[in-house]
PDB file of N, CA and C in Angstrom:
ATOM      1  N   MET A   1      22.787   1.570 -35.959  1.00  0.00           N
ATOM      2  CA  MET A   1      22.982   2.295 -34.710  1.00  0.00           C
ATOM      3  C   MET A   1      21.867   1.984 -33.711  1.00  0.00           C
ATOM      4  N   ALA A   2      20.632   1.864 -34.207  1.00  0.00           N
ATOM      5  CA  ALA A   2      19.519   1.563 -33.311  1.00  0.00           C
ATOM      6  C   ALA A   2      19.669   0.171 -32.706  1.00  0.00           C
ATOM      7  N   TYR A   3      20.200  -0.762 -33.481  1.00  0.00           N
ATOM      8  CA  TYR A   3      20.401  -2.112 -32.964  1.00  0.00           C
ATOM      9  C   TYR A   3      21.512  -2.159 -31.928  1.00  0.00           C
ATOM     10  N   LEU A   4      22.484  -1.277 -32.052  1.00  0.00           N
ATOM     11  CA  LEU A   4      23.561  -1.223 -31.075  1.00  0.00           C
ATOM     12  C   LEU A   4      23.018  -0.795 -29.707  1.00  0.00           C
ATOM     13  N   CYS A   5      22.151   0.206 -29.686  1.00  0.00           N
ATOM     14  CA  CYS A   5      21.534   0.645 -28.423  1.00  0.00           C
ATOM     15  C   CYS A   5      20.681  -0.471 -27.826  1.00  0.00           C
ATOM     16  N   LEU A   6      19.965  -1.167 -28.685  1.00  0.00           N
ATOM     17  CA  LEU A   6      19.133  -2.272 -28.208  1.00  0.00           C
ATOM     18  C   LEU A   6      19.986  -3.388 -27.627  1.00  0.00           C
ATOM     19  N   LEU A   7      21.095  -3.710 -28.293  1.00  0.00           N
ATOM     20  CA  LEU A   7      21.993  -4.742 -27.784  1.00  0.00           C
ATOM     21  C   LEU A   7      22.657  -4.314 -26.477  1.00  0.00           C
ATOM     22  N   LEU A   8      23.006  -3.038 -26.340  1.00  0.00           N
ATOM     23  CA  LEU A   8      23.571  -2.559 -25.087  1.00  0.00           C
ATOM     24  C   LEU A   8      22.559  -2.652 -23.950  1.00  0.00           C
ATOM     25  N   LEU A   9      21.326  -2.309 -24.241  1.00  0.00           N
ATOM     26  CA  LEU A   9      20.268  -2.400 -23.228  1.00  0.00           C
ATOM     27  C   LEU A   9      20.022  -3.852 -22.826  1.00  0.00           C
ATOM     28  N   LEU A  10      20.004  -4.739 -23.815  1.00  0.00           N
ATOM     29  CA  LEU A  10      19.818  -6.155 -23.525  1.00  0.00           C
ATOM     30  C   LEU A  10      20.991  -6.703 -22.722  1.00  0.00           C
ATOM     31  N   GLY A  11      22.205  -6.293 -23.062  1.00  0.00           N
ATOM     32  CA  GLY A  11      23.369  -6.731 -22.306  1.00  0.00           C
ATOM     33  C   GLY A  11      23.346  -6.234 -20.872  1.00  0.00           C
ATOM     34  N   ALA A  12      22.921  -4.985 -20.667  1.00  0.00           N
ATOM     35  CA  ALA A  12      22.822  -4.446 -19.314  1.00  0.00           C
ATOM     36  C   ALA A  12      21.769  -5.197 -18.507  1.00  0.00           C
ATOM     37  N   ALA A  13      20.659  -5.536 -19.145  1.00  0.00           N
ATOM     38  CA  ALA A  13      19.611  -6.280 -18.447  1.00  0.00           C
ATOM     39  C   ALA A  13      20.099  -7.675 -18.072  1.00  0.00           C
ATOM     40  N   LEU A  14      20.782  -8.340 -18.984  1.00  0.00           N
ATOM     41  CA  LEU A  14      21.308  -9.673 -18.684  1.00  0.00           C
ATOM     42  C   LEU A  14      22.382  -9.615 -17.605  1.00  0.00           C
ATOM     43  N   LEU A  15      23.211  -8.583 -17.626  1.00  0.00           N
ATOM     44  CA  LEU A  15      24.220  -8.420 -16.596  1.00  0.00           C
ATOM     45  C   LEU A  15      23.568  -8.189 -15.222  1.00  0.00           C
ATOM     46  N   GLY A  16      22.487  -7.413 -15.198  1.00  0.00           N
ATOM     47  CA  GLY A  16      21.765  -7.186 -13.944  1.00  0.00           C
ATOM     48  C   GLY A  16      21.147  -8.464 -13.408  1.00  0.00           C
ATOM     49  N   VAL A  17      20.544  -9.255 -14.292  1.00  0.00           N
ATOM     50  CA  VAL A  17      19.950 -10.526 -13.868  1.00  0.00           C
ATOM     51  C   VAL A  17      21.032 -11.466 -13.365  1.00  0.00           C
ATOM     52  N   ALA A  18      22.162 -11.507 -14.054  1.00  0.00           N
ATOM     53  CA  ALA A  18      23.264 -12.365 -13.613  1.00  0.00           C
ATOM     54  C   ALA A  18      23.803 -11.913 -12.263  1.00  0.00           C
ATOM     55  N   ALA A  19      23.879 -10.601 -12.026  1.00  0.00           N
ATOM     56  CA  ALA A  19      24.345 -10.094 -10.734  1.00  0.00           C
ATOM     57  C   ALA A  19      23.375 -10.456  -9.620  1.00  0.00           C
ATOM     58  N   LEU A  20      22.082 -10.353  -9.881  1.00  0.00           N
ATOM     59  CA  LEU A  20      21.092 -10.733  -8.875  1.00  0.00           C
ATOM     60  C   LEU A  20      21.147 -12.232  -8.586  1.00  0.00           C
ATOM     61  N   TYR A  21      21.286 -13.032  -9.617  1.00  0.00           N
ATOM     62  CA  TYR A  21      21.380 -14.479  -9.427  1.00  0.00           C
ATOM     63  C   TYR A  21      22.637 -14.836  -8.642  1.00  0.00           C
ATOM     64  N   GLY A  22      23.750 -14.207  -8.981  1.00  0.00           N
ATOM     65  CA  GLY A  22      24.992 -14.471  -8.254  1.00  0.00           C
ATOM     66  C   GLY A  22      24.908 -14.023  -6.806  1.00  0.00           C
ATOM     67  N   GLY A  23      24.288 -12.886  -6.549  1.00  0.00           N
ATOM     68  CA  GLY A  23      24.100 -12.433  -5.170  1.00  0.00           C
ATOM     69  C   GLY A  23      23.240 -13.387  -4.372  1.00  0.00           C
ATOM     70  N   HIS A  24      22.225 -13.934  -5.025  1.00  0.00           N
ATOM     71  CA  HIS A  24      21.373 -14.914  -4.339  1.00  0.00           C
ATOM     72  C   HIS A  24      22.157 -16.176  -4.008  1.00  0.00           C
ATOM     73  N   ARG A  25      22.974 -16.623  -4.938  1.00  0.00           N
ATOM     74  CA  ARG A  25      23.765 -17.833  -4.703  1.00  0.00           C
ATOM     75  C   ARG A  25      24.770 -17.636  -3.575  1.00  0.00           C
ATOM     76  N   LEU A  26      25.295 -16.409  -3.446  1.00  0.00           N
ATOM     77  CA  LEU A  26      26.283 -16.146  -2.400  1.00  0.00           C
ATOM     78  C   LEU A  26      25.649 -16.002  -1.016  1.00  0.00           C
ATOM     79  N   THR A  27      24.451 -15.496  -0.960  1.00  0.00           N
ATOM     80  CA  THR A  27      23.829 -15.212   0.338  1.00  0.00           C
ATOM     81  C   THR A  27      22.729 -16.194   0.706  1.00  0.00           C
ATOM     82  N   HIS A  28      22.528 -17.241  -0.059  1.00  0.00           N
ATOM     83  CA  HIS A  28      21.458 -18.209   0.202  1.00  0.00           C
ATOM     84  C   HIS A  28      21.767 -19.030   1.446  1.00  0.00           C
ATOM     85  N   HIS A  29      20.766 -19.201   2.301  1.00  0.00           N
ATOM     86  CA  HIS A  29      20.897 -20.023   3.496  1.00  0.00           C
ATOM     87  C   HIS A  29      20.195 -21.346   3.258  1.00  0.00           C
ATOM     88  N   ALA A  30      20.772 -22.401   3.767  1.00  0.00           N
ATOM     89  CA  ALA A  30      20.198 -23.729   3.580  1.00  0.00           C
ATOM     90  C   ALA A  30      19.134 -24.046   4.621  1.00  0.00           C
ATOM     91  N   LEU A  31      19.019 -23.225   5.680  1.00  0.00           N
ATOM     92  CA  LEU A  31      18.035 -23.499   6.727  1.00  0.00           C
ATOM     93  C   LEU A  31      16.641 -23.142   6.241  1.00  0.00           C
ATOM     94  N   PRO A  32      15.639 -23.933   6.582  1.00  0.00           N
ATOM     95  CA  PRO A  32      14.272 -23.545   6.228  1.00  0.00           C
ATOM     96  C   PRO A  32      13.818 -22.344   7.062  1.00  0.00           C
ATOM     97  N   ALA A  33      12.797 -21.673   6.610  1.00  0.00           N
ATOM     98  CA  ALA A  33      12.353 -20.424   7.229  1.00  0.00           C
ATOM     99  C   ALA A  33      11.980 -20.557   8.712  1.00  0.00           C
ATOM    100  N   PRO A  34      11.325 -21.633   9.184  1.00  0.00           N
ATOM    101  CA  PRO A  34      10.988 -21.691  10.610  1.00  0.00           C
ATOM    102  C   PRO A  34      12.198 -21.780  11.532  1.00  0.00           C
ATOM    103  N   GLU A  35      13.359 -22.170  11.032  1.00  0.00           N
ATOM    104  CA  GLU A  35      14.528 -22.303  11.882  1.00  0.00           C
ATOM    105  C   GLU A  35      15.410 -21.056  11.885  1.00  0.00           C
ATOM    106  N   LEU A  36      15.055 -20.056  11.088  1.00  0.00           N
ATOM    107  CA  LEU A  36      15.840 -18.833  11.056  1.00  0.00           C
ATOM    108  C   LEU A  36      15.540 -17.992  12.294  1.00  0.00           C
ATOM    109  N   PRO A  37      16.486 -17.175  12.754  1.00  0.00           N
ATOM    110  CA  PRO A  37      16.216 -16.298  13.899  1.00  0.00           C
ATOM    111  C   PRO A  37      15.147 -15.271  13.546  1.00  0.00           C
ATOM    112  N   PHE A  38      14.259 -15.058  14.488  1.00  0.00           N
ATOM    113  CA  PHE A  38      13.129 -14.161  14.272  1.00  0.00           C
ATOM    114  C   PHE A  38      12.754 -13.553  15.608  1.00  0.00           C
ATOM    115  N   LEU A  39      12.427 -12.307  15.643  1.00  0.00           N
ATOM    116  CA  LEU A  39      12.022 -11.611  16.867  1.00  0.00           C
ATOM    117  C   LEU A  39      13.096 -11.703  17.942  1.00  0.00           C
ATOM    118  N   SER A  40      14.329 -11.476  17.566  1.00  0.00           N
ATOM    119  CA  SER A  40      15.478 -11.512  18.487  1.00  0.00           C
ATOM    120  C   SER A  40      15.615 -12.859  19.187  1.00  0.00           C
ATOM    121  N   GLY A  41      15.288 -13.916  18.497  1.00  0.00           N
ATOM    122  CA  GLY A  41      15.437 -15.248  19.056  1.00  0.00           C
ATOM    123  C   GLY A  41      14.188 -15.799  19.704  1.00  0.00           C
ATOM    124  N   ALA A  42      13.178 -14.978  19.944  1.00  0.00           N
ATOM    125  CA  ALA A  42      11.938 -15.475  20.546  1.00  0.00           C
ATOM    126  C   ALA A  42      11.125 -16.225  19.502  1.00  0.00           C
ATOM    127  N   LEU A  43      10.360 -17.181  19.953  1.00  0.00           N
ATOM    128  CA  LEU A  43       9.500 -17.920  19.038  1.00  0.00           C
ATOM    129  C   LEU A  43       8.321 -17.052  18.629  1.00  0.00           C
ATOM    130  N   PRO A  44       8.019 -16.980  17.335  1.00  0.00           N
ATOM    131  CA  PRO A  44       6.890 -16.159  16.889  1.00  0.00           C
ATOM    132  C   PRO A  44       5.569 -16.792  17.310  1.00  0.00           C
ATOM    133  N   PRO A  45       4.564 -15.984  17.643  1.00  0.00           N
ATOM    134  CA  PRO A  45       3.269 -16.548  18.056  1.00  0.00           C
ATOM    135  C   PRO A  45       2.508 -17.196  16.912  1.00  0.00           C
ATOM    136  N   GLU A  46       2.816 -16.814  15.677  1.00  0.00           N
ATOM    137  CA  GLU A  46       2.140 -17.393  14.526  1.00  0.00           C
ATOM    138  C   GLU A  46       3.094 -17.390  13.341  1.00  0.00           C
ATOM    139  N   HIS A  47       2.719 -18.073  12.311  1.00  0.00           N
ATOM    140  CA  HIS A  47       3.554 -18.147  11.121  1.00  0.00           C
ATOM    141  C   HIS A  47       3.580 -16.780  10.427  1.00  0.00           C
ATOM    142  N   ALA A  48       4.681 -16.457   9.803  1.00  0.00           N
ATOM    143  CA  ALA A  48       4.830 -15.151   9.168  1.00  0.00           C
ATOM    144  C   ALA A  48       3.875 -14.968   7.996  1.00  0.00           C
ATOM    145  N   LEU A  49       3.421 -16.039   7.399  1.00  0.00           N
ATOM    146  CA  LEU A  49       2.521 -15.938   6.253  1.00  0.00           C
ATOM    147  C   LEU A  49       1.066 -16.192   6.636  1.00  0.00           C
ATOM    148  N   SER A  50       0.738 -16.070   7.927  1.00  0.00           N
ATOM    149  CA  SER A  50      -0.644 -16.308   8.342  1.00  0.00           C
ATOM    150  C   SER A  50      -1.543 -15.203   7.801  1.00  0.00           C
ATOM    151  N   ARG A  51      -2.784 -15.523   7.645  1.00  0.00           N
ATOM    152  CA  ARG A  51      -3.736 -14.567   7.075  1.00  0.00           C
ATOM    153  C   ARG A  51      -4.271 -13.645   8.158  1.00  0.00           C
ATOM    154  N   PHE A  52      -4.636 -12.456   7.730  1.00  0.00           N
ATOM    155  CA  PHE A  52      -5.218 -11.485   8.639  1.00  0.00           C
ATOM    156  C   PHE A  52      -6.722 -11.682   8.706  1.00  0.00           C
ATOM    157  N   HIS A  53      -7.302 -11.229   9.809  1.00  0.00           N
ATOM    158  CA  HIS A  53      -8.751 -11.285   9.952  1.00  0.00           C
ATOM    159  C   HIS A  53      -9.372 -10.317   8.947  1.00  0.00           C
ATOM    160  N   ALA A  54     -10.579 -10.621   8.493  1.00  0.00           N
ATOM    161  CA  ALA A  54     -11.226  -9.826   7.455  1.00  0.00           C
ATOM    162  C   ALA A  54     -11.495  -8.397   7.898  1.00  0.00           C
ATOM    163  N   ARG A  55     -11.629  -8.135   9.194  1.00  0.00           N
ATOM    164  CA  ARG A  55     -11.919  -6.769   9.633  1.00  0.00           C
ATOM    165  C   ARG A  55     -10.751  -5.829   9.359  1.00  0.00           C
ATOM    166  N   TRP A  56      -9.548  -6.360   9.258  1.00  0.00           N
ATOM    167  CA  TRP A  56      -8.408  -5.489   8.971  1.00  0.00           C
ATOM    168  C   TRP A  56      -8.473  -4.965   7.548  1.00  0.00           C
ATOM    169  N   TYR A  57      -9.068  -5.720   6.629  1.00  0.00           N
ATOM    170  CA  TYR A  57      -9.205  -5.241   5.265  1.00  0.00           C
ATOM    171  C   TYR A  57     -10.182  -4.067   5.211  1.00  0.00           C
ATOM    172  N   VAL A  58     -11.254  -4.137   5.968  1.00  0.00           N
ATOM    173  CA  VAL A  58     -12.206  -3.032   6.007  1.00  0.00           C
ATOM    174  C   VAL A  58     -11.559  -1.814   6.655  1.00  0.00           C
ATOM    175  N   ALA A  59     -10.768  -2.025   7.697  1.00  0.00           N
ATOM    176  CA  ALA A  59     -10.061  -0.903   8.326  1.00  0.00           C
ATOM    177  C   ALA A  59      -9.079  -0.270   7.349  1.00  0.00           C
ATOM    178  N   THR A  60      -8.445  -1.083   6.536  1.00  0.00           N
ATOM    179  CA  THR A  60      -7.533  -0.557   5.523  1.00  0.00           C
ATOM    180  C   THR A  60      -8.281   0.261   4.490  1.00  0.00           C
ATOM    181  N   LEU A  61      -9.449  -0.204   4.072  1.00  0.00           N
ATOM    182  CA  LEU A  61     -10.247   0.564   3.123  1.00  0.00           C
ATOM    183  C   LEU A  61     -10.703   1.886   3.726  1.00  0.00           C
ATOM    184  N   LEU A  62     -11.032   1.889   5.012  1.00  0.00           N
ATOM    185  CA  LEU A  62     -11.391   3.144   5.666  1.00  0.00           C
ATOM    186  C   LEU A  62     -10.214   4.111   5.686  1.00  0.00           C
ATOM    187  N   PHE A  63      -9.033   3.590   5.996  1.00  0.00           N
ATOM    188  CA  PHE A  63      -7.848   4.440   5.977  1.00  0.00           C
ATOM    189  C   PHE A  63      -7.616   5.020   4.590  1.00  0.00           C
ATOM    190  N   LEU A  64      -7.756   4.198   3.565  1.00  0.00           N
ATOM    191  CA  LEU A  64      -7.558   4.696   2.212  1.00  0.00           C
ATOM    192  C   LEU A  64      -8.599   5.736   1.839  1.00  0.00           C
ATOM    193  N   ALA A  65      -9.837   5.563   2.311  1.00  0.00           N
ATOM    194  CA  ALA A  65     -10.871   6.561   2.023  1.00  0.00           C
ATOM    195  C   ALA A  65     -10.500   7.901   2.644  1.00  0.00           C
ATOM    196  N   PHE A  66     -10.037   7.900   3.880  1.00  0.00           N
ATOM    197  CA  PHE A  66      -9.657   9.158   4.511  1.00  0.00           C
ATOM    198  C   PHE A  66      -8.376   9.716   3.915  1.00  0.00           C
ATOM    199  N   ASP A  67      -7.494   8.851   3.466  1.00  0.00           N
ATOM    200  CA  ASP A  67      -6.271   9.301   2.825  1.00  0.00           C
ATOM    201  C   ASP A  67      -6.589   9.991   1.510  1.00  0.00           C
ATOM    202  N   VAL A  68      -7.473   9.395   0.714  1.00  0.00           N
ATOM    203  CA  VAL A  68      -7.875  10.008  -0.553  1.00  0.00           C
ATOM    204  C   VAL A  68      -8.632  11.302  -0.294  1.00  0.00           C
ATOM    205  N   GLU A  69      -9.394  11.339   0.783  1.00  0.00           N
ATOM    206  CA  GLU A  69     -10.093  12.576   1.146  1.00  0.00           C
ATOM    207  C   GLU A  69      -9.093  13.701   1.368  1.00  0.00           C
ATOM    208  N   MET A  70      -8.025  13.428   2.072  1.00  0.00           N
ATOM    209  CA  MET A  70      -7.011  14.457   2.314  1.00  0.00           C
ATOM    210  C   MET A  70      -6.300  14.852   1.025  1.00  0.00           C
ATOM    211  N   LEU A  71      -6.110  13.891   0.118  1.00  0.00           N
ATOM    212  CA  LEU A  71      -5.485  14.211  -1.162  1.00  0.00           C
ATOM    213  C   LEU A  71      -6.336  15.181  -1.964  1.00  0.00           C
ATOM    214  N   PHE A  72      -7.644  15.087  -1.845  1.00  0.00           N
ATOM    215  CA  PHE A  72      -8.523  16.003  -2.562  1.00  0.00           C
ATOM    216  C   PHE A  72      -8.724  17.311  -1.810  1.00  0.00           C
ATOM    217  N   MET A  73      -8.696  17.262  -0.495  1.00  0.00           N
ATOM    218  CA  MET A  73      -8.992  18.479   0.267  1.00  0.00           C
ATOM    219  C   MET A  73      -7.824  19.457   0.311  1.00  0.00           C
ATOM    220  N   CYS A  74      -6.596  18.979   0.293  1.00  0.00           N
ATOM    221  CA  CYS A  74      -5.458  19.904   0.364  1.00  0.00           C
ATOM    222  C   CYS A  74      -5.400  20.844  -0.833  1.00  0.00           C
ATOM    223  N   PRO A  75      -5.487  20.368  -2.074  1.00  0.00           N
ATOM    224  CA  PRO A  75      -5.509  21.334  -3.185  1.00  0.00           C
ATOM    225  C   PRO A  75      -6.797  22.151  -3.216  1.00  0.00           C
ATOM    226  N   TRP A  76      -7.885  21.565  -2.737  1.00  0.00           N
ATOM    227  CA  TRP A  76      -9.152  22.276  -2.740  1.00  0.00           C
ATOM    228  C   TRP A  76      -9.080  23.516  -1.844  1.00  0.00           C
ATOM    229  N   THR A  77      -8.389  23.406  -0.706  1.00  0.00           N
ATOM    230  CA  THR A  77      -8.294  24.555   0.192  1.00  0.00           C
ATOM    231  C   THR A  77      -7.501  25.696  -0.428  1.00  0.00           C
ATOM    232  N   VAL A  78      -6.648  25.395  -1.378  1.00  0.00           N
ATOM    233  CA  VAL A  78      -5.860  26.443  -2.025  1.00  0.00           C
ATOM    234  C   VAL A  78      -6.711  27.215  -3.025  1.00  0.00           C
ATOM    235  N   VAL A  79      -7.593  26.536  -3.751  1.00  0.00           N
ATOM    236  CA  VAL A  79      -8.337  27.189  -4.833  1.00  0.00           C
ATOM    237  C   VAL A  79      -9.791  27.472  -4.498  1.00  0.00           C
ATOM    238  N   VAL A  80     -10.225  27.212  -3.276  1.00  0.00           N
ATOM    239  CA  VAL A  80     -11.646  27.370  -2.963  1.00  0.00           C
ATOM    240  C   VAL A  80     -12.098  28.830  -3.078  1.00  0.00           C
ATOM    241  N   ALA A  81     -11.233  29.774  -2.742  1.00  0.00           N
ATOM    242  CA  ALA A  81     -11.621  31.179  -2.816  1.00  0.00           C
ATOM    243  C   ALA A  81     -11.812  31.627  -4.261  1.00  0.00           C
ATOM    244  N   SER A  82     -10.993  31.139  -5.153  1.00  0.00           N
ATOM    245  CA  SER A  82     -11.114  31.558  -6.549  1.00  0.00           C
ATOM    246  C   SER A  82     -12.219  30.810  -7.290  1.00  0.00           C
ATOM    247  N   GLU A  83     -12.571  29.620  -6.848  1.00  0.00           N
ATOM    248  CA  GLU A  83     -13.589  28.817  -7.534  1.00  0.00           C
ATOM    249  C   GLU A  83     -15.014  29.190  -7.124  1.00  0.00           C
ATOM    250  N   GLY A  84     -15.207  29.615  -5.903  1.00  0.00           N
ATOM    251  CA  GLY A  84     -16.531  30.063  -5.491  1.00  0.00           C
ATOM    252  C   GLY A  84     -17.357  28.998  -4.798  1.00  0.00           C
ATOM    253  N   LEU A  85     -18.665  29.268  -4.740  1.00  0.00           N
ATOM    254  CA  LEU A  85     -19.593  28.422  -4.000  1.00  0.00           C
ATOM    255  C   LEU A  85     -19.737  27.026  -4.604  1.00  0.00           C
ATOM    256  N   GLY A  86     -19.563  26.895  -5.904  1.00  0.00           N
ATOM    257  CA  GLY A  86     -19.696  25.586  -6.554  1.00  0.00           C
ATOM    258  C   GLY A  86     -18.691  24.578  -6.016  1.00  0.00           C
ATOM    259  N   SER A  87     -17.483  25.029  -5.749  1.00  0.00           N
ATOM    260  CA  SER A  87     -16.484  24.095  -5.228  1.00  0.00           C
ATOM    261  C   SER A  87     -16.808  23.676  -3.800  1.00  0.00           C
ATOM    262  N   VAL A  88     -17.416  24.552  -3.032  1.00  0.00           N
ATOM    263  CA  VAL A  88     -17.812  24.193  -1.665  1.00  0.00           C
ATOM    264  C   VAL A  88     -18.907  23.123  -1.705  1.00  0.00           C
ATOM    265  N   VAL A  89     -19.870  23.293  -2.599  1.00  0.00           N
ATOM    266  CA  VAL A  89     -20.945  22.320  -2.736  1.00  0.00           C
ATOM    267  C   VAL A  89     -20.382  20.971  -3.193  1.00  0.00           C
ATOM    268  N   GLU A  90     -19.460  21.003  -4.148  1.00  0.00           N
ATOM    269  CA  GLU A  90     -18.862  19.752  -4.618  1.00  0.00           C
ATOM    270  C   GLU A  90     -18.089  19.048  -3.507  1.00  0.00           C
ATOM    271  N   MET A  91     -17.374  19.813  -2.689  1.00  0.00           N
ATOM    272  CA  MET A  91     -16.593  19.196  -1.617  1.00  0.00           C
ATOM    273  C   MET A  91     -17.513  18.580  -0.568  1.00  0.00           C
ATOM    274  N   PHE A  92     -18.612  19.270  -0.240  1.00  0.00           N
ATOM    275  CA  PHE A  92     -19.529  18.681   0.726  1.00  0.00           C
ATOM    276  C   PHE A  92     -20.242  17.463   0.148  1.00  0.00           C
ATOM    277  N   GLY A  93     -20.451  17.432  -1.150  1.00  0.00           N
ATOM    278  CA  GLY A  93     -20.985  16.224  -1.779  1.00  0.00           C
ATOM    279  C   GLY A  93     -20.003  15.068  -1.675  1.00  0.00           C
ATOM    280  N   PHE A  94     -18.727  15.357  -1.905  1.00  0.00           N
ATOM    281  CA  PHE A  94     -17.689  14.338  -1.786  1.00  0.00           C
ATOM    282  C   PHE A  94     -17.595  13.841  -0.354  1.00  0.00           C
ATOM    283  N   LEU A  95     -17.631  14.764   0.606  1.00  0.00           N
ATOM    284  CA  LEU A  95     -17.561  14.372   2.015  1.00  0.00           C
ATOM    285  C   LEU A  95     -18.780  13.569   2.437  1.00  0.00           C
ATOM    286  N   SER A  96     -19.942  13.874   1.850  1.00  0.00           N
ATOM    287  CA  SER A  96     -21.136  13.109   2.209  1.00  0.00           C
ATOM    288  C   SER A  96     -21.038  11.671   1.691  1.00  0.00           C
ATOM    289  N   VAL A  97     -20.427  11.475   0.522  1.00  0.00           N
ATOM    290  CA  VAL A  97     -20.223  10.113   0.022  1.00  0.00           C
ATOM    291  C   VAL A  97     -19.294   9.350   0.959  1.00  0.00           C
ATOM    292  N   LEU A  98     -18.230  10.009   1.420  1.00  0.00           N
ATOM    293  CA  LEU A  98     -17.329   9.361   2.365  1.00  0.00           C
ATOM    294  C   LEU A  98     -18.018   9.095   3.697  1.00  0.00           C
ATOM    295  N   LEU A  99     -18.884   9.994   4.129  1.00  0.00           N
ATOM    296  CA  LEU A  99     -19.611   9.788   5.373  1.00  0.00           C
ATOM    297  C   LEU A  99     -20.537   8.583   5.270  1.00  0.00           C
ATOM    298  N   VAL A 100     -21.145   8.391   4.109  1.00  0.00           N
ATOM    299  CA  VAL A 100     -21.987   7.207   3.907  1.00  0.00           C
ATOM    300  C   VAL A 100     -21.138   5.947   4.037  1.00  0.00           C
ATOM    301  N   GLY A 101     -19.905   5.972   3.507  1.00  0.00           N
ATOM    302  CA  GLY A 101     -19.008   4.828   3.647  1.00  0.00           C
ATOM    303  C   GLY A 101     -18.629   4.565   5.089  1.00  0.00           C
ATOM    304  N   VAL A 102     -18.375   5.615   5.852  1.00  0.00           N
ATOM    305  CA  VAL A 102     -18.033   5.460   7.264  1.00  0.00           C
ATOM    306  C   VAL A 102     -19.229   4.917   8.048  1.00  0.00           C
ATOM    307  N   LEU A 103     -20.418   5.425   7.768  1.00  0.00           N
ATOM    308  CA  LEU A 103     -21.617   4.922   8.450  1.00  0.00           C
ATOM    309  C   LEU A 103     -21.866   3.453   8.124  1.00  0.00           C
ATOM    310  N   TRP A 104     -21.615   3.060   6.874  1.00  0.00           N
ATOM    311  CA  TRP A 104     -21.753   1.654   6.505  1.00  0.00           C
ATOM    312  C   TRP A 104     -20.755   0.802   7.280  1.00  0.00           C
ATOM    313  N   ALA A 105     -19.504   1.263   7.356  1.00  0.00           N
ATOM    314  CA  ALA A 105     -18.490   0.504   8.084  1.00  0.00           C
ATOM    315  C   ALA A 105     -18.834   0.426   9.568  1.00  0.00           C
ATOM    316  N   TRP A 106     -19.374   1.493  10.110  1.00  0.00           N
ATOM    317  CA  TRP A 106     -19.776   1.499  11.517  1.00  0.00           C
ATOM    318  C   TRP A 106     -20.895   0.489  11.740  1.00  0.00           C
ATOM    319  N   ARG A 107     -21.860   0.471  10.819  1.00  0.00           N
ATOM    320  CA  ARG A 107     -22.971  -0.469  10.939  1.00  0.00           C
ATOM    321  C   ARG A 107     -22.495  -1.906  10.819  1.00  0.00           C
ATOM    322  N   GLU A 108     -21.479  -2.153   9.975  1.00  0.00           N
ATOM    323  CA  GLU A 108     -20.946  -3.503   9.792  1.00  0.00           C
ATOM    324  C   GLU A 108     -20.035  -3.926  10.934  1.00  0.00           C
ATOM    325  N   GLY A 109     -19.679  -2.994  11.814  1.00  0.00           N
ATOM    326  CA  GLY A 109     -18.843  -3.321  12.953  1.00  0.00           C
ATOM    327  C   GLY A 109     -17.347  -3.221  12.673  1.00  0.00           C
ATOM    328  N   ALA A 110     -16.969  -2.514  11.623  1.00  0.00           N
ATOM    329  CA  ALA A 110     -15.547  -2.409  11.282  1.00  0.00           C
ATOM    330  C   ALA A 110     -14.792  -1.519  12.289  1.00  0.00           C
ATOM    331  N   LEU A 111     -15.502  -0.697  13.013  1.00  0.00           N
ATOM    332  CA  LEU A 111     -14.839   0.199  13.952  1.00  0.00           C
ATOM    333  C   LEU A 111     -14.775  -0.379  15.360  1.00  0.00           C
ATOM    334  N   ARG A 112     -15.304  -1.577  15.546  1.00  0.00           N
ATOM    335  CA  ARG A 112     -15.185  -2.276  16.840  1.00  0.00           C
ATOM    336  C   ARG A 112     -13.902  -3.081  16.832  1.00  0.00           C
ATOM    337  N   TRP A 113     -13.099  -2.963  17.860  1.00  0.00           N
ATOM    338  CA  TRP A 113     -11.831  -3.657  17.892  1.00  0.00           C
ATOM    339  C   TRP A 113     -11.857  -4.863  18.819  1.00  0.00           C
ATOM    340  N   ALA A 114     -12.966  -5.147  19.392  1.00  0.00           N
ATOM    341  CA  ALA A 114     -13.030  -6.288  20.317  1.00  0.00           C
ATOM    342  C   ALA A 114     -13.617  -7.498  19.648  1.00  0.00           C
TER     343      ALA A 114
END
């Protein structure tokens, strides 16, 4: 019985792969990527796979730092009254670590857009 379930799962997986392969064969275009319509027919200013400037990676890390900060602060605001002064001290310690990261990014010029 256990082998029957395994064979059914394997058959479903193979059927899914075959469906994806068949869908690709039906919808495949022979034109190379630069000749496909893009931006409503306008020529793109750069290639779609061009690399981003390094400052965008630092900006992304800053966004993630503030995003994670909000993930920690929302539940903290719910339980801060029951936890007491220790949770306030811990949160300000966490915020100070994030502030050090922001000051570092500011010093490195990550917040300059020119």
